[in-house]
Every structure is written in structure tokens, then in C-alpha cells.
Amino acid sequence: MAGAALPDLSPDTPLAALGLDSLQRLELAARLEKTFAGRLPDTVYSQARTLEDLVQAVQKHLIDSPGPMFQPARFHPNITILSASPIR
């Protein structure tokens, strides 16, 4: 991220200010999807204008509505364990 110094980043920081080229944007997308074991809709990358937009998309598509590879298992009300298969 050559465009913005870390202390200068805020939720309102435009993604364009990060100075990411198209390959770096793809790498960022791949890293987010790998980290959260899910897939973001392709439209997220064309519609997200700020870091906040990207964070909200990750929250909506990867955290609040995780795919079948990322489902919390229900063993104890105070403990969350990840399961590789959907919980029925």
C-alpha cells in the first residue's frame, strides 16, 4: 500500500488512496476471502469506494452470513468452535 501511510488511514479513506493496482486489489480480495473462508460478491470491489465500504461488505457477506465452510459449532453457549460442515 504505497499511497497512504498507516496513521493516515480512516474509515473514510478512499480505496483509491491506497494506491493499489489491479493485481494488488485481487490479492487483497483473495486474502480477505481466505481469512474469512468465504467469497465476496464480485460487485463489492467495483462498488466499494472507501475502507468503510469494504469493511461493511466483509461484515455482511463473510462474518454475518458465513458460507458453509465457516459455521460456528454449537457445543457450549460460551464457546465458539469452527466447523467445516454446515450445522443442521
N, C-alpha and C. Protein backbone atom coordinates (compact mmCIF):
# COMPACT_ATOMS: atom_id res chain seq x y z
N MET A 1 0.85 -1.17 0.00
CA MET A 1 0.00 0.00 0.00
C MET A 1 0.89 1.23 0.00
N ALA A 2 1.23 1.66 -1.15
CA ALA A 2 2.17 2.76 -1.28
C ALA A 2 1.53 4.13 -1.13
N GLY A 3 0.20 4.24 -1.32
CA GLY A 3 -0.45 5.54 -1.38
C GLY A 3 -0.67 6.23 -0.05
N ALA A 4 -1.02 5.53 1.01
CA ALA A 4 -1.37 6.16 2.28
C ALA A 4 -0.52 5.58 3.40
N ALA A 5 -0.06 6.45 4.27
CA ALA A 5 0.66 5.99 5.45
C ALA A 5 -0.36 5.45 6.44
N LEU A 6 0.02 4.45 7.20
CA LEU A 6 -0.92 3.83 8.13
C LEU A 6 -1.60 4.82 9.07
N PRO A 7 -0.89 5.80 9.65
CA PRO A 7 -1.57 6.73 10.55
C PRO A 7 -2.63 7.57 9.83
N ASP A 8 -2.54 7.67 8.51
CA ASP A 8 -3.48 8.49 7.75
C ASP A 8 -4.76 7.74 7.37
N LEU A 9 -4.82 6.46 7.65
CA LEU A 9 -5.99 5.68 7.27
C LEU A 9 -7.14 5.92 8.24
N SER A 10 -8.33 6.01 7.69
CA SER A 10 -9.55 6.13 8.48
C SER A 10 -10.65 5.41 7.72
N PRO A 11 -11.81 5.21 8.33
CA PRO A 11 -12.91 4.56 7.61
C PRO A 11 -13.28 5.30 6.32
N ASP A 12 -13.06 6.61 6.30
CA ASP A 12 -13.41 7.41 5.12
C ASP A 12 -12.34 7.40 4.03
N THR A 13 -11.22 6.75 4.29
CA THR A 13 -10.14 6.72 3.31
C THR A 13 -10.63 6.06 2.03
N PRO A 14 -10.52 6.76 0.91
CA PRO A 14 -10.91 6.14 -0.37
C PRO A 14 -9.97 4.98 -0.70
N LEU A 15 -10.52 3.91 -1.22
CA LEU A 15 -9.68 2.78 -1.60
C LEU A 15 -8.64 3.22 -2.64
N ALA A 16 -9.00 4.15 -3.49
CA ALA A 16 -8.06 4.65 -4.50
C ALA A 16 -6.82 5.27 -3.86
N ALA A 17 -6.97 5.84 -2.65
CA ALA A 17 -5.84 6.48 -1.96
C ALA A 17 -4.81 5.47 -1.49
N LEU A 18 -5.18 4.18 -1.44
CA LEU A 18 -4.24 3.15 -1.02
C LEU A 18 -3.20 2.87 -2.10
N GLY A 19 -3.47 3.31 -3.31
CA GLY A 19 -2.52 3.12 -4.39
C GLY A 19 -2.42 1.70 -4.88
N LEU A 20 -3.47 0.92 -4.71
CA LEU A 20 -3.44 -0.48 -5.14
C LEU A 20 -3.66 -0.57 -6.64
N ASP A 21 -2.80 -1.34 -7.30
CA ASP A 21 -3.05 -1.60 -8.71
C ASP A 21 -4.03 -2.78 -8.80
N SER A 22 -4.40 -3.17 -10.00
CA SER A 22 -5.43 -4.21 -10.16
C SER A 22 -4.97 -5.54 -9.57
N LEU A 23 -3.71 -5.88 -9.70
CA LEU A 23 -3.20 -7.12 -9.13
C LEU A 23 -3.25 -7.08 -7.61
N GLN A 24 -2.89 -5.96 -7.02
CA GLN A 24 -2.93 -5.83 -5.56
C GLN A 24 -4.36 -5.89 -5.04
N ARG A 25 -5.31 -5.34 -5.80
CA ARG A 25 -6.73 -5.44 -5.39
C ARG A 25 -7.18 -6.89 -5.40
N LEU A 26 -6.75 -7.65 -6.41
CA LEU A 26 -7.09 -9.08 -6.47
C LEU A 26 -6.45 -9.83 -5.31
N GLU A 27 -5.20 -9.48 -4.99
CA GLU A 27 -4.53 -10.12 -3.86
C GLU A 27 -5.23 -9.79 -2.54
N LEU A 28 -5.67 -8.55 -2.39
CA LEU A 28 -6.42 -8.16 -1.19
C LEU A 28 -7.71 -8.97 -1.10
N ALA A 29 -8.42 -9.08 -2.20
CA ALA A 29 -9.67 -9.84 -2.23
C ALA A 29 -9.40 -11.30 -1.86
N ALA A 30 -8.37 -11.88 -2.44
CA ALA A 30 -8.04 -13.28 -2.16
C ALA A 30 -7.68 -13.47 -0.69
N ARG A 31 -6.96 -12.53 -0.13
CA ARG A 31 -6.56 -12.64 1.27
C ARG A 31 -7.78 -12.52 2.20
N LEU A 32 -8.69 -11.59 1.90
CA LEU A 32 -9.90 -11.46 2.71
C LEU A 32 -10.73 -12.73 2.63
N GLU A 33 -10.90 -13.26 1.43
CA GLU A 33 -11.71 -14.47 1.25
C GLU A 33 -11.07 -15.67 1.93
N LYS A 34 -9.75 -15.77 1.88
CA LYS A 34 -9.07 -16.88 2.56
C LYS A 34 -9.18 -16.72 4.07
N THR A 35 -8.97 -15.51 4.56
CA THR A 35 -9.03 -15.26 6.00
C THR A 35 -10.39 -15.61 6.58
N PHE A 36 -11.46 -15.25 5.86
CA PHE A 36 -12.81 -15.45 6.37
C PHE A 36 -13.48 -16.68 5.76
N ALA A 37 -12.75 -17.47 4.97
CA ALA A 37 -13.25 -18.71 4.38
C ALA A 37 -14.59 -18.52 3.67
N GLY A 38 -14.63 -17.53 2.83
CA GLY A 38 -15.87 -17.26 2.09
C GLY A 38 -15.55 -16.53 0.80
N ARG A 39 -16.58 -16.09 0.15
CA ARG A 39 -16.41 -15.38 -1.13
C ARG A 39 -17.27 -14.13 -1.10
N LEU A 40 -16.65 -13.02 -1.45
CA LEU A 40 -17.38 -11.77 -1.58
C LEU A 40 -17.94 -11.68 -3.00
N PRO A 41 -19.12 -11.10 -3.15
CA PRO A 41 -19.66 -10.89 -4.50
C PRO A 41 -18.69 -10.01 -5.31
N ASP A 42 -18.58 -10.30 -6.60
CA ASP A 42 -17.68 -9.53 -7.46
C ASP A 42 -18.00 -8.04 -7.44
N THR A 43 -19.26 -7.69 -7.23
CA THR A 43 -19.67 -6.28 -7.25
C THR A 43 -19.07 -5.48 -6.10
N VAL A 44 -18.66 -6.15 -5.03
CA VAL A 44 -18.09 -5.44 -3.87
C VAL A 44 -16.90 -4.62 -4.29
N TYR A 45 -16.04 -5.17 -5.11
CA TYR A 45 -14.80 -4.48 -5.46
C TYR A 45 -15.03 -3.32 -6.41
N SER A 46 -16.08 -3.38 -7.19
CA SER A 46 -16.36 -2.25 -8.08
C SER A 46 -17.21 -1.18 -7.38
N GLN A 47 -17.95 -1.55 -6.34
CA GLN A 47 -18.83 -0.60 -5.67
C GLN A 47 -18.23 0.01 -4.41
N ALA A 48 -17.31 -0.68 -3.75
CA ALA A 48 -16.71 -0.15 -2.52
C ALA A 48 -15.81 1.03 -2.88
N ARG A 49 -16.07 2.16 -2.27
CA ARG A 49 -15.29 3.36 -2.55
C ARG A 49 -14.33 3.70 -1.41
N THR A 50 -14.68 3.28 -0.18
CA THR A 50 -13.86 3.61 0.99
C THR A 50 -13.52 2.35 1.77
N LEU A 51 -12.60 2.48 2.72
CA LEU A 51 -12.31 1.35 3.60
C LEU A 51 -13.56 0.92 4.35
N GLU A 52 -14.38 1.87 4.77
CA GLU A 52 -15.62 1.55 5.48
C GLU A 52 -16.54 0.71 4.61
N ASP A 53 -16.66 1.05 3.32
CA ASP A 53 -17.48 0.26 2.41
C ASP A 53 -16.99 -1.19 2.36
N LEU A 54 -15.67 -1.35 2.29
CA LEU A 54 -15.09 -2.69 2.23
C LEU A 54 -15.32 -3.45 3.53
N VAL A 55 -15.14 -2.77 4.65
CA VAL A 55 -15.38 -3.39 5.97
C VAL A 55 -16.84 -3.83 6.10
N GLN A 56 -17.76 -2.98 5.69
CA GLN A 56 -19.18 -3.33 5.76
C GLN A 56 -19.50 -4.54 4.88
N ALA A 57 -18.88 -4.63 3.71
CA ALA A 57 -19.11 -5.78 2.82
C ALA A 57 -18.56 -7.06 3.45
N VAL A 58 -17.38 -6.98 4.04
CA VAL A 58 -16.82 -8.15 4.72
C VAL A 58 -17.72 -8.56 5.87
N GLN A 59 -18.19 -7.60 6.65
CA GLN A 59 -19.09 -7.90 7.77
C GLN A 59 -20.36 -8.59 7.27
N LYS A 60 -20.96 -8.04 6.22
CA LYS A 60 -22.23 -8.56 5.72
C LYS A 60 -22.08 -9.93 5.07
N HIS A 61 -21.09 -10.10 4.21
CA HIS A 61 -21.00 -11.31 3.39
C HIS A 61 -20.13 -12.41 3.98
N LEU A 62 -19.18 -12.06 4.82
CA LEU A 62 -18.25 -13.07 5.33
C LEU A 62 -18.37 -13.34 6.82
N ILE A 63 -18.88 -12.38 7.57
CA ILE A 63 -18.97 -12.58 9.02
C ILE A 63 -20.41 -12.86 9.45
N ASP A 64 -21.33 -11.97 9.07
CA ASP A 64 -22.73 -12.16 9.47
C ASP A 64 -23.40 -13.30 8.72
N SER A 65 -22.99 -13.54 7.49
CA SER A 65 -23.58 -14.60 6.67
C SER A 65 -22.48 -15.50 6.12
N PRO A 66 -21.77 -16.21 7.00
CA PRO A 66 -20.66 -17.03 6.53
C PRO A 66 -21.15 -18.18 5.65
N GLY A 67 -20.28 -18.61 4.78
CA GLY A 67 -20.60 -19.74 3.90
C GLY A 67 -20.54 -21.04 4.66
N PRO A 68 -20.80 -22.16 3.99
CA PRO A 68 -20.84 -23.46 4.66
C PRO A 68 -19.50 -23.91 5.22
N MET A 69 -18.40 -23.32 4.75
CA MET A 69 -17.09 -23.70 5.27
C MET A 69 -16.76 -22.99 6.57
N PHE A 70 -17.61 -22.10 7.03
CA PHE A 70 -17.29 -21.29 8.20
C PHE A 70 -18.53 -21.16 9.07
N GLN A 71 -18.93 -22.24 9.69
CA GLN A 71 -20.11 -22.23 10.54
C GLN A 71 -19.69 -22.51 11.98
N PRO A 72 -20.15 -21.71 12.93
CA PRO A 72 -19.82 -22.00 14.32
C PRO A 72 -20.53 -23.27 14.78
N ALA A 73 -19.80 -24.13 15.44
CA ALA A 73 -20.39 -25.35 16.00
C ALA A 73 -21.00 -25.00 17.36
N ARG A 74 -22.05 -25.68 17.72
CA ARG A 74 -22.73 -25.38 18.98
C ARG A 74 -22.47 -26.48 20.00
N PHE A 75 -21.47 -26.26 20.83
CA PHE A 75 -21.16 -27.23 21.86
C PHE A 75 -21.46 -26.68 23.25
N HIS A 76 -21.20 -25.42 23.44
CA HIS A 76 -21.37 -24.79 24.73
C HIS A 76 -21.75 -23.33 24.47
N PRO A 77 -22.67 -22.77 25.23
CA PRO A 77 -23.13 -21.41 24.94
C PRO A 77 -22.05 -20.34 25.02
N ASN A 78 -20.97 -20.59 25.74
CA ASN A 78 -19.92 -19.58 25.89
C ASN A 78 -18.68 -19.86 25.04
N ILE A 79 -18.71 -20.91 24.23
CA ILE A 79 -17.55 -21.28 23.42
C ILE A 79 -17.99 -21.43 21.98
N THR A 80 -17.24 -20.82 21.07
CA THR A 80 -17.50 -20.96 19.65
C THR A 80 -16.34 -21.73 19.02
N ILE A 81 -16.65 -22.81 18.34
CA ILE A 81 -15.65 -23.62 17.65
C ILE A 81 -16.05 -23.66 16.19
N LEU A 82 -15.10 -23.55 15.30
CA LEU A 82 -15.41 -23.57 13.87
C LEU A 82 -15.57 -24.99 13.38
N SER A 83 -16.51 -25.16 12.49
CA SER A 83 -16.81 -26.45 11.91
C SER A 83 -16.65 -26.38 10.40
N ALA A 84 -16.21 -27.46 9.79
CA ALA A 84 -16.03 -27.48 8.33
C ALA A 84 -17.30 -27.83 7.60
N SER A 85 -18.36 -28.17 8.30
CA SER A 85 -19.60 -28.52 7.63
C SER A 85 -20.76 -27.72 8.23
N PRO A 86 -21.80 -27.50 7.45
CA PRO A 86 -22.95 -26.73 7.97
C PRO A 86 -23.59 -27.44 9.15
N ILE A 87 -24.10 -26.65 10.05
CA ILE A 87 -24.80 -27.18 11.22
C ILE A 87 -26.28 -27.26 10.89
N ARG A 88 -26.88 -28.34 11.20
CA ARG A 88 -28.31 -28.54 10.91
C ARG A 88 -29.10 -28.49 12.18
